[in-house]
Protein backbone atom coordinates (compact mmCIF):
# COMPACT_ATOMS: atom_id res chain seq x y z
CA UNK A 1 0.01 -0.07 -0.04
CA UNK A 2 1.33 3.59 -0.75
CA UNK A 3 -0.19 7.10 -0.06
CA UNK A 4 -2.91 8.50 -2.16
CA UNK A 5 -0.58 11.46 -2.90
CA UNK A 6 2.17 8.93 -4.25
CA UNK A 7 -0.19 7.53 -6.56
CA UNK A 8 -1.31 10.86 -7.79
CA UNK A 9 2.23 11.67 -8.71
CA UNK A 10 2.69 8.45 -10.65
CA UNK A 11 -0.45 8.59 -12.56
CA UNK A 12 0.35 12.42 -13.71
CA UNK A 13 4.27 11.35 -14.51
CA UNK A 14 2.60 8.58 -16.60
CA UNK A 15 0.51 10.96 -18.52
CA UNK A 16 3.37 13.12 -19.39
CA UNK A 17 3.05 16.11 -17.06
CA UNK A 18 6.39 17.73 -16.59
CA UNK A 19 5.48 21.10 -14.65
CA UNK A 20 2.75 21.58 -12.05
CA UNK A 21 2.15 25.15 -10.83
CA UNK A 22 1.02 26.27 -7.44
CA UNK A 23 1.92 28.31 -4.37
CA UNK A 24 4.08 27.40 -1.64
CA UNK A 25 2.15 25.37 0.88
CA UNK A 26 4.28 23.16 3.38
CA UNK A 27 1.38 21.07 4.40
CA UNK A 28 0.36 19.86 1.25
CA UNK A 29 1.25 16.32 0.68
CA UNK A 30 1.17 16.53 -3.20
CA UNK A 31 4.06 18.59 -3.66
CA UNK A 32 6.89 16.03 -2.40
CA UNK A 33 5.06 13.35 -4.23
CA UNK A 34 5.03 15.44 -7.49
CA UNK A 35 8.63 16.30 -7.23
CA UNK A 36 9.62 12.46 -6.56
CA UNK A 37 8.46 11.46 -9.90
CA UNK A 38 10.33 14.07 -11.86
CA UNK A 39 7.84 16.98 -12.11
CA UNK A 40 9.05 20.43 -11.49
CA UNK A 41 7.13 22.48 -8.98
CA UNK A 42 6.65 26.19 -9.86
CA UNK A 43 5.74 28.32 -6.94
CA UNK A 44 4.16 31.42 -7.60
CA UNK A 45 3.40 34.10 -5.36
CA UNK A 46 -0.37 34.54 -6.06
CA UNK A 47 -2.72 31.71 -6.89
CA UNK A 48 -3.96 33.94 -9.62
CA UNK A 49 -0.54 33.95 -11.14
CA UNK A 50 -0.14 30.31 -10.55
CA UNK A 51 -3.23 29.58 -12.79
CA UNK A 52 -2.21 32.02 -15.48
CA UNK A 53 1.33 30.41 -15.90
CA UNK A 54 -0.06 27.17 -16.05
CA UNK A 55 -2.36 28.29 -18.93
CA UNK A 56 0.13 30.02 -20.60
CA UNK A 57 2.28 27.22 -20.22
CA UNK A 58 -0.04 24.96 -22.39
CA UNK A 59 -1.21 27.40 -24.53
CA UNK A 60 2.35 27.96 -25.83
CA UNK A 61 3.56 24.38 -25.75
CA UNK A 62 0.22 22.23 -26.06
CA UNK A 63 1.71 20.16 -22.95
CA UNK A 64 -0.66 19.42 -20.11
CA UNK A 65 -1.22 22.15 -17.46
CA UNK A 66 -1.92 21.18 -13.99
CA UNK A 67 -2.33 23.33 -10.83
CA UNK A 68 -2.12 22.27 -7.44
CA UNK A 69 -3.55 24.70 -4.80
CA UNK A 70 -5.41 24.66 -1.55
CA UNK A 71 -9.12 24.84 -1.10
CA UNK A 72 -10.45 27.86 0.71
CA UNK A 73 -9.06 31.34 0.15
CA UNK A 74 -6.32 29.93 -2.14
CA UNK A 75 -8.78 28.49 -4.50
CA UNK A 76 -11.15 31.18 -4.88
CA UNK A 77 -7.94 33.55 -5.37
CA UNK A 78 -7.31 31.71 -8.27
CA UNK A 79 -10.76 32.25 -9.93
CA UNK A 80 -9.81 34.98 -12.38
CA UNK A 81 -7.20 32.57 -13.75
CA UNK A 82 -9.93 29.80 -13.92
CA UNK A 83 -12.43 32.09 -15.54
CA UNK A 84 -9.97 33.05 -18.22
CA UNK A 85 -9.16 29.51 -18.99
CA UNK A 86 -12.71 28.34 -19.22
CA UNK A 87 -13.15 31.39 -21.62
CA UNK A 88 -10.00 30.39 -23.83
CA UNK A 89 -11.00 27.11 -23.81
CA UNK A 90 -7.64 25.87 -22.19
CA UNK A 91 -7.84 22.54 -20.66
CA UNK A 92 -6.29 22.82 -16.96
CA UNK A 93 -6.39 20.25 -14.49
CA UNK A 94 -6.79 21.78 -10.91
CA UNK A 95 -5.71 19.58 -8.07
CA UNK A 96 -7.50 21.28 -5.12
CA UNK A 97 -6.27 20.04 -1.73
CA UNK A 98 -8.17 20.48 1.54
CA UNK A 99 -5.84 21.94 3.75
CA UNK A 100 -8.07 21.75 7.05
CA UNK A 101 -10.38 19.51 8.71
CA UNK A 102 -13.88 20.18 9.29
CA UNK A 103 -16.26 21.91 6.85
CA UNK A 104 -14.37 23.93 4.18
CA UNK A 105 -17.25 25.83 2.52
CA UNK A 106 -16.20 23.36 -0.75
CA UNK A 107 -20.02 23.35 -1.38
CA UNK A 108 -20.06 26.97 -2.12
CA UNK A 109 -16.83 27.16 -3.79
CA UNK A 110 -18.15 24.46 -6.15
CA UNK A 111 -21.03 26.77 -7.01
CA UNK A 112 -18.51 29.49 -7.83
CA UNK A 113 -16.49 27.05 -9.87
CA UNK A 114 -19.35 25.84 -11.86
CA UNK A 115 -20.52 29.52 -12.74
CA UNK A 116 -16.67 30.18 -13.79
CA UNK A 117 -17.08 27.33 -16.28
CA UNK A 118 -15.17 24.60 -14.65
CA UNK A 119 -15.86 21.03 -14.27
CA UNK A 120 -15.63 19.51 -10.84
CA UNK A 121 -14.99 15.90 -9.71
CA UNK A 122 -14.09 14.65 -6.10
CA UNK A 123 -11.75 12.15 -5.34
CA UNK A 124 -13.78 10.17 -2.34
CA UNK A 125 -12.61 6.56 -2.82
CA UNK A 126 -8.52 5.96 -2.39
CA UNK A 127 -8.98 2.98 -4.48
CA UNK A 128 -10.15 4.99 -7.61
CA UNK A 129 -7.47 7.41 -7.61
CA UNK A 130 -5.64 6.00 -10.75
CA UNK A 131 -8.84 5.96 -12.78
CA UNK A 132 -10.26 9.34 -11.53
CA UNK A 133 -6.85 11.27 -12.13
CA UNK A 134 -6.37 9.93 -15.42
CA UNK A 135 -9.86 10.45 -16.50
CA UNK A 136 -9.89 14.07 -15.21
CA UNK A 137 -6.67 15.00 -17.29
CA UNK A 138 -8.16 13.46 -20.34
CA UNK A 139 -11.57 15.02 -19.90
CA UNK A 140 -9.96 18.35 -19.44
CA UNK A 141 -8.03 18.09 -22.69
CA UNK A 142 -10.83 16.61 -24.62
CA UNK A 143 -13.34 19.25 -23.56
CA UNK A 144 -10.88 21.89 -23.54
CA UNK A 145 -11.89 23.49 -20.13
CA UNK A 146 -10.55 23.62 -16.44
CA UNK A 147 -11.54 20.66 -14.60
CA UNK A 148 -11.15 20.76 -10.73
CA UNK A 149 -10.24 17.46 -9.01
CA UNK A 150 -11.06 18.00 -5.13
CA UNK A 151 -8.89 15.81 -2.84
CA UNK A 152 -9.99 15.81 0.76
CA UNK A 153 -7.87 15.63 3.61
CA UNK A 154 -9.18 11.98 4.71
CA UNK A 155 -8.48 10.79 1.08
CA UNK A 156 -4.78 12.30 0.81
CA UNK A 157 -4.20 10.54 4.27
CA UNK A 158 -5.43 6.94 3.24
CA UNK A 159 -3.71 4.36 1.33
CA UNK A 160 -4.13 2.42 -1.75
CA UNK A 161 -2.81 -0.49 -3.84
CA UNK A 162 0.32 0.69 -5.94
CA UNK A 163 -0.81 0.83 -9.56
CA UNK A 164 0.64 -1.92 -11.66
CA UNK A 165 3.31 -0.75 -13.93
CA UNK A 166 1.61 -2.22 -17.34
CA UNK A 167 -1.47 0.01 -16.21
CA UNK A 168 0.90 3.16 -15.79
CA UNK A 169 2.19 2.40 -19.06
CA UNK A 170 -1.11 2.16 -20.75
CA UNK A 171 -2.12 5.70 -19.57
CA UNK A 172 0.04 7.55 -22.03
CA UNK A 173 -2.10 5.87 -24.68
CA UNK A 174 -5.46 6.72 -23.69
CA UNK A 175 -7.13 8.85 -26.60
CA UNK A 176 -9.69 11.69 -26.39
CA UNK A 177 -12.94 10.66 -27.84
CA UNK A 178 -13.34 10.79 -31.73
CA UNK A 179 -13.52 14.34 -33.28
CA UNK A 180 -16.93 15.46 -34.27
CA UNK A 181 -17.41 15.59 -38.19
CA UNK A 182 -20.65 17.32 -39.61
CA UNK A 183 -23.14 15.38 -41.36
CA UNK A 184 -22.31 14.68 -44.98
CA UNK A 185 -25.39 17.11 -46.14
CA UNK A 186 -23.89 19.89 -44.24
CA UNK A 187 -20.23 19.21 -45.58
CA UNK A 188 -21.58 19.20 -49.12
CA UNK A 189 -23.42 22.62 -48.53
CA UNK A 190 -20.17 24.12 -47.47
CA UNK A 191 -18.42 22.59 -50.15
CA UNK A 192 -20.67 23.79 -52.83
CA UNK A 193 -20.50 27.22 -51.44
CA UNK A 194 -16.50 27.25 -51.34
CA UNK A 195 -16.48 25.75 -54.88
CA UNK A 196 -18.54 28.91 -56.16
CA UNK A 197 -16.77 31.49 -54.15
CA UNK A 198 -15.07 34.16 -55.83
CA UNK A 199 -13.26 35.84 -53.08
CA UNK A 200 -13.27 33.36 -50.04
CA UNK A 201 -11.54 34.50 -46.54
CA UNK A 202 -10.96 32.12 -43.71
CA UNK A 203 -11.02 33.72 -40.28
CA UNK A 204 -9.59 31.26 -37.68
CA UNK A 205 -10.04 31.45 -33.91
CA UNK A 206 -8.88 29.79 -30.76
CA UNK A 207 -10.76 26.66 -31.87
CA UNK A 208 -8.55 26.40 -34.79
CA UNK A 209 -5.49 26.53 -33.37
CA UNK A 210 -4.80 22.78 -33.60
CA UNK A 211 -5.81 22.80 -37.19
CA UNK A 212 -3.54 25.38 -39.01
CA UNK A 213 -2.17 22.80 -41.39
CA UNK A 214 -5.70 21.32 -42.51
CA UNK A 215 -6.92 25.01 -42.92
CA UNK A 216 -3.85 26.00 -45.01
CA UNK A 217 -4.67 23.29 -47.52
CA UNK A 218 -8.16 23.90 -47.50
CA UNK A 219 -7.65 27.47 -48.35
CA UNK A 220 -5.19 26.49 -51.11
CA UNK A 221 -7.69 24.65 -52.67
CA UNK A 222 -10.79 27.09 -52.45
CA UNK A 223 -8.18 30.00 -53.25
CA UNK A 224 -8.98 31.65 -49.87
CA UNK A 225 -7.14 34.46 -48.05
CA UNK A 226 -6.26 33.58 -44.21
CA UNK A 227 -6.79 35.55 -41.30
CA UNK A 228 -7.26 34.89 -37.64
CA UNK A 229 -8.81 36.43 -34.58
CA UNK A 230 -6.19 37.75 -31.77
CA UNK A 231 -6.74 34.50 -29.91
CA UNK A 232 -5.11 32.50 -32.88
CA UNK A 233 -2.51 35.26 -33.77
CA UNK A 234 0.35 33.59 -35.75
CA UNK A 235 -1.51 30.68 -37.00
CA UNK A 236 -0.87 31.45 -40.57
CA UNK A 237 2.39 33.52 -40.03
CA UNK A 238 4.38 31.47 -42.75
CA UNK A 239 1.84 31.83 -45.23
CA UNK A 240 1.92 34.45 -48.09
CA UNK A 241 -1.69 34.69 -48.18
CA UNK A 242 -1.96 35.52 -44.55
CA UNK A 243 -3.71 38.88 -43.89
CA UNK A 244 -2.86 38.65 -39.95
CA UNK A 245 -5.25 39.69 -37.42
CA UNK A 246 -9.04 40.48 -38.24
CA UNK A 247 -10.56 43.47 -36.85
CA UNK A 248 -9.41 46.22 -34.71
CA UNK A 249 -5.81 45.43 -35.48
CA UNK A 250 -6.24 45.18 -39.17
CA UNK A 251 -4.49 47.52 -41.78
CA UNK A 252 -6.73 49.63 -43.76
CA UNK A 253 -5.69 47.60 -46.99
CA UNK A 254 -6.68 44.26 -45.09
CA UNK A 255 -9.74 45.50 -43.67
CA UNK A 256 -10.80 46.34 -47.36
CA UNK A 257 -9.68 42.75 -48.57
CA UNK A 258 -11.94 40.90 -45.84
CA UNK A 259 -14.81 43.39 -46.53
CA UNK A 260 -14.73 42.50 -50.19
CA UNK A 261 -15.07 38.88 -49.36
CA UNK A 262 -18.03 37.03 -50.99
CA UNK A 263 -17.92 33.86 -48.75
CA UNK A 264 -16.41 34.14 -45.33
CA UNK A 265 -15.93 31.14 -42.80
CA UNK A 266 -15.27 31.54 -39.07
CA UNK A 267 -13.26 28.40 -38.10
CA UNK A 268 -13.51 27.93 -34.21
CA UNK A 269 -14.07 31.97 -34.22
CA UNK A 270 -16.98 33.53 -32.33
CA UNK A 271 -16.88 36.39 -34.47
CA UNK A 272 -16.55 38.82 -31.79
CA UNK A 273 -17.28 42.47 -32.35
CA UNK A 274 -13.39 43.17 -32.21
CA UNK A 275 -12.70 40.67 -34.66
CA UNK A 276 -15.56 41.92 -36.97
CA UNK A 277 -15.30 45.66 -36.01
CA UNK A 278 -18.65 45.70 -34.50
CA UNK A 279 -19.76 44.13 -37.87
CA UNK A 280 -18.75 46.60 -40.11
CA UNK A 281 -15.90 44.56 -41.25
CA UNK A 282 -18.26 41.75 -43.02
CA UNK A 283 -20.04 43.05 -45.84
CA UNK A 284 -23.96 42.34 -45.73
CA UNK A 285 -23.41 40.60 -49.35
CA UNK A 286 -21.20 38.01 -47.98
CA UNK A 287 -22.12 34.51 -47.05
CA UNK A 288 -20.80 33.96 -43.57
CA UNK A 289 -20.38 30.41 -42.06
CA UNK A 290 -19.32 29.56 -38.75
CA UNK A 291 -17.70 25.98 -37.66
CA UNK A 292 -17.39 25.24 -34.17
CA UNK A 293 -17.38 22.26 -31.89
CA UNK A 294 -19.62 24.28 -29.51
CA UNK A 295 -23.11 24.61 -30.86
CA UNK A 296 -23.89 27.56 -28.43
CA UNK A 297 -21.30 29.75 -30.15
CA UNK A 298 -22.73 29.64 -33.48
CA UNK A 299 -24.46 33.00 -34.21
CA UNK A 300 -23.76 34.35 -30.67
CA UNK A 301 -22.29 37.68 -31.68
CA UNK A 302 -23.89 38.14 -35.31
CA UNK A 303 -26.22 36.75 -37.73
CA UNK A 304 -24.73 33.93 -39.84
CA UNK A 305 -26.09 31.92 -43.20
CA UNK A 306 -24.76 28.45 -42.18
CA UNK A 307 -23.86 27.03 -38.75
CA UNK A 308 -21.57 23.98 -38.79
CA UNK A 309 -21.08 21.83 -35.28
CA UNK A 310 -17.89 20.13 -35.66
CA UNK A 311 -14.00 19.93 -34.83
CA UNK A 312 -12.42 22.26 -37.35
CA UNK A 313 -9.75 20.18 -38.34
CA UNK A 314 -11.85 16.99 -38.82
CA UNK A 315 -14.52 19.29 -40.81
CA UNK A 316 -11.68 21.00 -42.90
CA UNK A 317 -10.48 17.07 -43.86
CA UNK A 318 -13.68 16.42 -44.86
CA UNK A 319 -14.33 19.13 -47.24
CA UNK A 320 -10.67 18.42 -48.77
CA UNK A 321 -12.13 15.03 -49.96
CA UNK A 322 -14.78 17.20 -51.80
CA UNK A 323 -12.68 20.00 -53.23
CA UNK A 324 -10.06 17.81 -55.32
CA UNK A 325 -8.61 20.69 -57.25
CA UNK A 326 -7.08 24.26 -56.36
CA UNK A 327 -8.73 27.11 -57.58
CA UNK A 328 -7.39 30.95 -57.95
CA UNK A 329 -10.23 32.40 -56.06
CA UNK A 330 -8.85 35.38 -54.36
CA UNK A 331 -5.38 34.43 -54.93
CA UNK A 332 -4.36 36.73 -57.75
CA UNK A 333 -1.09 38.41 -58.42
CA UNK A 334 -2.42 41.69 -57.81
CA UNK A 335 -3.86 40.68 -54.03
CA UNK A 336 -0.71 38.97 -53.57
CA UNK A 337 1.21 42.41 -54.17
CA UNK A 338 -1.16 44.36 -51.91
CA UNK A 339 -0.74 41.84 -49.18
CA UNK A 340 3.18 42.07 -49.56
CA UNK A 341 3.00 45.80 -49.55
CA UNK A 342 0.10 46.78 -47.17
CA UNK A 343 -0.89 44.10 -44.68
CA UNK A 344 1.55 44.99 -41.93
CA UNK A 345 1.36 47.87 -39.68
CA UNK A 346 5.16 48.13 -40.50
CA UNK A 347 4.01 49.13 -43.97
CA UNK A 348 1.80 51.91 -42.66
CA UNK A 349 3.76 55.29 -42.14
CA UNK A 350 3.18 57.45 -39.27
CA UNK A 351 4.74 60.74 -37.71
CA UNK A 352 6.73 59.83 -34.63
CA UNK A 353 5.84 62.22 -31.32
CA UNK A 354 8.76 63.83 -29.84
CA UNK A 355 8.26 64.75 -26.46
CA UNK A 356 11.33 65.31 -23.67
CA UNK A 357 11.89 62.20 -21.97
CA UNK A 358 9.13 60.20 -23.88
CA UNK A 359 9.60 57.52 -26.65
CA UNK A 360 6.65 56.86 -29.23
CA UNK A 361 5.36 53.54 -28.38
CA UNK A 362 5.36 52.83 -32.17
CA UNK A 363 8.83 53.53 -32.30
CA UNK A 364 9.72 51.64 -29.24
CA UNK A 365 7.78 48.55 -30.55
CA UNK A 366 9.39 48.51 -34.13
CA UNK A 367 12.98 49.13 -32.78
CA UNK A 368 12.69 45.70 -30.43
CA UNK A 369 10.88 44.08 -33.29
CA UNK A 370 13.92 44.62 -35.33
CA UNK A 371 16.39 43.81 -32.43
CA UNK A 372 15.08 40.63 -31.12
CA UNK A 373 15.47 37.18 -32.49
CA UNK A 374 12.76 35.92 -35.01
CA UNK A 375 11.98 33.10 -32.81
CA UNK A 376 10.13 34.53 -30.06
CA UNK A 377 6.88 34.20 -27.75
CA UNK A 378 5.13 37.49 -27.33
CA UNK A 379 2.77 37.79 -24.36
CA UNK A 380 0.57 40.89 -24.02
CA UNK A 381 -1.47 42.35 -21.18
CA UNK A 382 -4.63 44.18 -21.26
CA UNK A 383 -4.42 47.82 -21.77
CA UNK A 384 -4.43 51.00 -23.96
CA UNK A 385 -0.70 50.37 -25.05
CA UNK A 386 -1.61 46.84 -26.40
CA UNK A 387 -2.23 47.63 -30.01
CA UNK A 388 1.43 48.25 -30.41
CA UNK A 389 3.10 45.27 -29.26
CA UNK A 390 0.20 42.98 -31.12
CA UNK A 391 0.52 45.11 -34.47
CA UNK A 392 4.21 45.67 -34.39
CA UNK A 393 6.18 42.64 -33.00
CA UNK A 394 5.92 39.95 -35.28
CA UNK A 395 5.60 36.35 -34.05
CA UNK A 396 6.64 33.11 -35.85
CA UNK A 397 3.52 30.83 -35.15
CA UNK A 398 0.55 30.65 -33.05
CA UNK A 399 2.56 29.01 -29.94
CA UNK A 400 4.30 32.57 -30.38
CA UNK A 401 1.42 34.55 -28.93
CA UNK A 402 -0.42 34.52 -25.93
CA UNK A 403 -2.87 37.41 -24.66
CA UNK A 404 -6.01 37.66 -22.07
CA UNK A 405 -8.82 39.84 -23.32
CA UNK A 406 -11.90 38.00 -21.89
CA UNK A 407 -12.54 40.16 -19.04
CA UNK A 408 -10.44 43.36 -19.89
CA UNK A 409 -8.22 42.34 -16.60
CA UNK A 410 -4.73 44.05 -16.56
CA UNK A 411 -1.97 42.13 -14.85
CA UNK A 412 -1.75 38.51 -16.19
CA UNK A 413 1.03 39.05 -18.82
CA UNK A 414 3.71 38.86 -16.35
CA UNK A 415 2.61 35.35 -14.96
CA UNK A 416 1.74 34.29 -18.39
CA UNK A 417 5.15 35.48 -19.62
CA UNK A 418 6.86 33.04 -16.76
CA UNK A 419 4.69 30.36 -18.07
CA UNK A 420 5.55 30.72 -21.75
CA UNK A 421 9.14 31.22 -20.97
CA UNK A 422 9.03 27.83 -19.04
CA UNK A 423 7.29 26.23 -21.96
CA UNK A 424 9.81 27.23 -24.57
CA UNK A 425 12.86 27.86 -22.99
CA UNK A 426 14.81 27.98 -26.46
CA UNK A 427 12.75 31.14 -27.41
CA UNK A 428 13.04 34.54 -26.19
CA UNK A 429 9.82 35.39 -24.37
CA UNK A 430 8.69 39.01 -24.02
CA UNK A 431 6.13 40.04 -21.75
CA UNK A 432 4.30 43.43 -22.68
CA UNK A 433 2.63 45.26 -19.62
CA UNK A 434 1.12 48.57 -19.22
CA UNK A 435 2.15 50.35 -15.93
CA UNK A 436 -1.34 49.12 -14.07
CA UNK A 437 -0.85 45.63 -15.00
CA UNK A 438 2.89 45.67 -13.90
CA UNK A 439 1.71 47.11 -10.55
CA UNK A 440 -0.59 44.50 -10.14
CA UNK A 441 1.60 41.69 -10.84
CA UNK A 442 4.57 43.13 -8.93
CA UNK A 443 4.89 40.12 -6.77
CA UNK A 444 5.60 37.66 -9.57
CA UNK A 445 8.61 39.70 -10.28
CA UNK A 446 10.29 37.82 -7.66
CA UNK A 447 9.32 34.43 -9.09
CA UNK A 448 10.71 35.34 -12.40
CA UNK A 449 14.07 36.55 -10.26
CA UNK A 450 14.09 33.19 -8.38
CA UNK A 451 13.61 31.10 -11.38
CA UNK A 452 16.63 32.60 -13.08
CA UNK A 453 14.28 33.26 -16.40
CA UNK A 454 15.68 34.80 -19.41
CA UNK A 455 12.54 36.86 -19.61
CA UNK A 456 12.27 40.46 -21.21
CA UNK A 457 9.46 42.39 -19.29
CA UNK A 458 8.72 45.69 -21.32
CA UNK A 459 6.59 48.06 -19.25
CA UNK A 460 4.64 50.89 -21.54
CA UNK A 461 4.58 53.41 -18.63
CA UNK A 462 2.09 56.34 -18.71
CA UNK A 463 1.60 56.19 -15.05
CA UNK A 464 2.17 59.95 -14.73
CA UNK A 465 -1.02 60.72 -16.82
CA UNK A 466 -3.11 58.88 -14.23
CA UNK A 467 -4.24 60.02 -10.37
CA UNK A 468 -1.25 58.75 -8.72
CA UNK A 469 1.75 60.09 -10.61
CA UNK A 470 4.68 58.82 -12.13
CA UNK A 471 5.71 55.23 -10.83
CA UNK A 472 9.47 54.36 -11.16
CA UNK A 473 8.97 50.58 -12.13
CA UNK A 474 12.55 50.27 -12.86
CA UNK A 475 13.29 51.16 -9.18
CA UNK A 476 10.55 48.64 -8.13
CA UNK A 477 11.73 45.75 -10.64
CA UNK A 478 15.45 46.39 -9.08
CA UNK A 479 14.08 46.02 -5.31
CA UNK A 480 12.71 42.42 -6.50
CA UNK A 481 16.36 41.68 -7.64
CA UNK A 482 15.47 42.32 -11.27
CA UNK A 483 17.82 43.91 -13.75
CA UNK A 484 16.14 46.99 -14.89
CA UNK A 485 16.45 50.39 -16.91
CA UNK A 486 14.55 53.35 -18.01
CA UNK A 487 14.08 53.81 -21.54
CA UNK A 488 13.22 57.27 -22.95
CA UNK A 489 14.81 57.04 -26.44
CA UNK A 490 16.02 54.55 -29.05
CA UNK A 491 19.71 54.58 -27.82
CA UNK A 492 18.62 53.24 -24.22
CA UNK A 493 17.74 49.78 -25.78
CA UNK A 494 21.52 49.22 -25.69
CA UNK A 495 20.72 47.75 -22.40
CA UNK A 496 18.62 44.75 -24.43
CA UNK A 497 21.77 44.29 -26.75
CA UNK A 498 24.01 43.92 -23.74
CA UNK A 499 21.51 41.69 -21.75
CA UNK A 500 21.08 39.50 -25.16
CA UNK A 501 24.71 39.32 -25.52
CA UNK A 502 25.42 37.93 -22.07
CA UNK A 503 24.34 34.80 -20.18
CA UNK A 504 20.83 36.20 -19.32
CA UNK A 505 20.92 34.66 -15.99
CA UNK A 506 17.51 36.47 -15.20
CA UNK A 507 14.88 38.71 -16.34
CA UNK A 508 15.33 42.34 -17.75
CA UNK A 509 12.62 44.79 -17.27
CA UNK A 510 12.23 48.01 -19.48
CA UNK A 511 10.54 50.86 -17.70
CA UNK A 512 9.45 52.50 -21.26
CA UNK A 513 8.48 55.90 -20.53
CA UNK A 514 6.10 56.27 -23.62
CA UNK A 515 3.73 58.99 -25.15
CA UNK A 516 0.47 58.06 -24.89
CA UNK A 517 -0.76 57.34 -28.49
CA UNK A 518 -3.19 54.65 -30.05
CA UNK A 519 -3.02 53.05 -33.50
CA UNK A 520 -5.25 54.78 -35.79
CA UNK A 521 -8.90 53.63 -35.44
CA UNK A 522 -9.54 52.90 -39.18
CA UNK A 523 -12.75 51.13 -38.02
CA UNK A 524 -14.24 54.41 -39.08
CA UNK A 525 -13.54 53.74 -42.62
CA UNK A 526 -16.84 52.07 -43.15
CA UNK A 527 -18.19 52.33 -39.59
CA UNK A 528 -21.76 53.85 -40.69
CA UNK A 529 -22.19 50.37 -42.89
C-alpha cells in the first residue's frame, strides 16, 4: 500500500506531466510526491498568477497544464485565472487539496467554480485514484476547459494499492473521444459554397489553433485568404496569403480585402465584435459560415447563414475530400502584391511623437521587433498600450503569442510570460505590460528572478497621466532583484543588446516612458455601414 498522494504523482508522470504550478504550501502532501516523480513544481506568489502561468504554459506548448493549490481562500483567489482558462477553452487540471479538517465551504466554492465554467470531480475513494486522475486530465483536454479535482484531507491521508506498471504504461496511450465531423449534407453545402466563391476568406479563432495545416491546405484548394482572430494570432504566419489579425488591428488594406469577401468562414472563431469591427468588417452581401465544436457559440455575436457543428480539423479534412483541385479564387497576383506591401502596420507610415523624456510606443515596438530574434514568444497584457506590441512585434507561429482579453483585466501577462518562458526555453519570451498591469502583478517579479528566467519584460509606462503620478517601475523591479533600466529614447535599448549578448541569467525589465498614443482607429472607414 502507498499514500494516495504518491499514486497521484505516479499517474500524472505516466500521463506526461512535466511541470505543476501552485503556491508554496508546506502542508500539502502532493508537492513532495510530484517532485519525487520528476515533475518540476513552480511556486508563484499569488494563486491567480500560478493559474495564469499554467494556462500560458499549455497555450504555448500544448503540453498538459496542472495546477496544485489548496481549497479555501487560495482556490477562490485563483478564480480570475480559472475564468480566463474557461473562456479561452484551455484544458487545465486543478488539484484542489483540502488543507484543514471540518467544513471547508467546498459546496459554495463548487457553485463558484461551476459558474466560472469549470468541471468539478471529487476523489472520494482512495482505490479509484488512478482511474479518476487519469480521466480528469483527459476530460480537461478533450473538452478544452478547466477541471477541478478535489482531494479531501482524509483521502490524501489514506493508502491504496500501488498501480501496476503495465497500467501506468497504458495511460499515455489513452485517446480523447473521436473528433466530431458534421453530417454529409452539411459538408456538401459548405463545399458547394466554397466551390462557387470568388473571394473567400477564412478567419481562424482559438478553436482552430490545432488545425492550421488542414486550414492552409483547404484555403489553397478554395483560393481563400487567411486571417485570424487575436486569439489565434500567428497561426498562418508563414503563409504568403496571411492577412494577420482580422478586426481592430487590421491595416486599412487588410480591412478592405476582408470587406470584399463574398464567402467568409469563421473556423473556431466566435466572430466577436473586435474581430468584425462591430460588424462593419463583414459586408452584408457576404455569405457567412461559422464552424465550431460548441453549438452554443454559433451565431452568438452576429447573424450567420450557415452554422456547422464539428471539430475544425475534422471538418476541413472532410471538405478536402470534396474539393480535389485548387482554384485561383482570391489568390491573384494583384492581391499578393497588396498583401506584401500593405498588410503589416510596418508598411503604414506615421509621424513620430517627440516629447522630452518620452518615446513613441510605435517607435519602441518597431525597434524591439528589429532587435529581437525571430524565434520569440510575445505575451501581451490588457491596456491602452496593447495595440503597439500586437501590431508591430512579429511572431513565428500560433504558439508564439498569448494574450488575455476576456474580462479586460490587466495584470496577467507577467505571470503568463513566466509560464510561456518555461514552456519554450529556447525562445526569447517578451512580456508586454502597461504600468497598471505591472503594478498589479509586481509580486511575480520575484518569481521570475527566483527561477532565473531569461524573460524580457517591457512596461509601456504612462503612469504620470493617471491619478497617482509617475511610478518608477525600474526601481521597483530592481528591489525584487531584477535587472532594470529606464527607456526614454532608442539609444536606451543598448541595455537589451547587452543583456542578449550576455548569459541572460535572469529577467530584464524595461521601464519605457512612452508618449500616450494609439494606433489609428481605422474602423471608421466603413463604420456607418
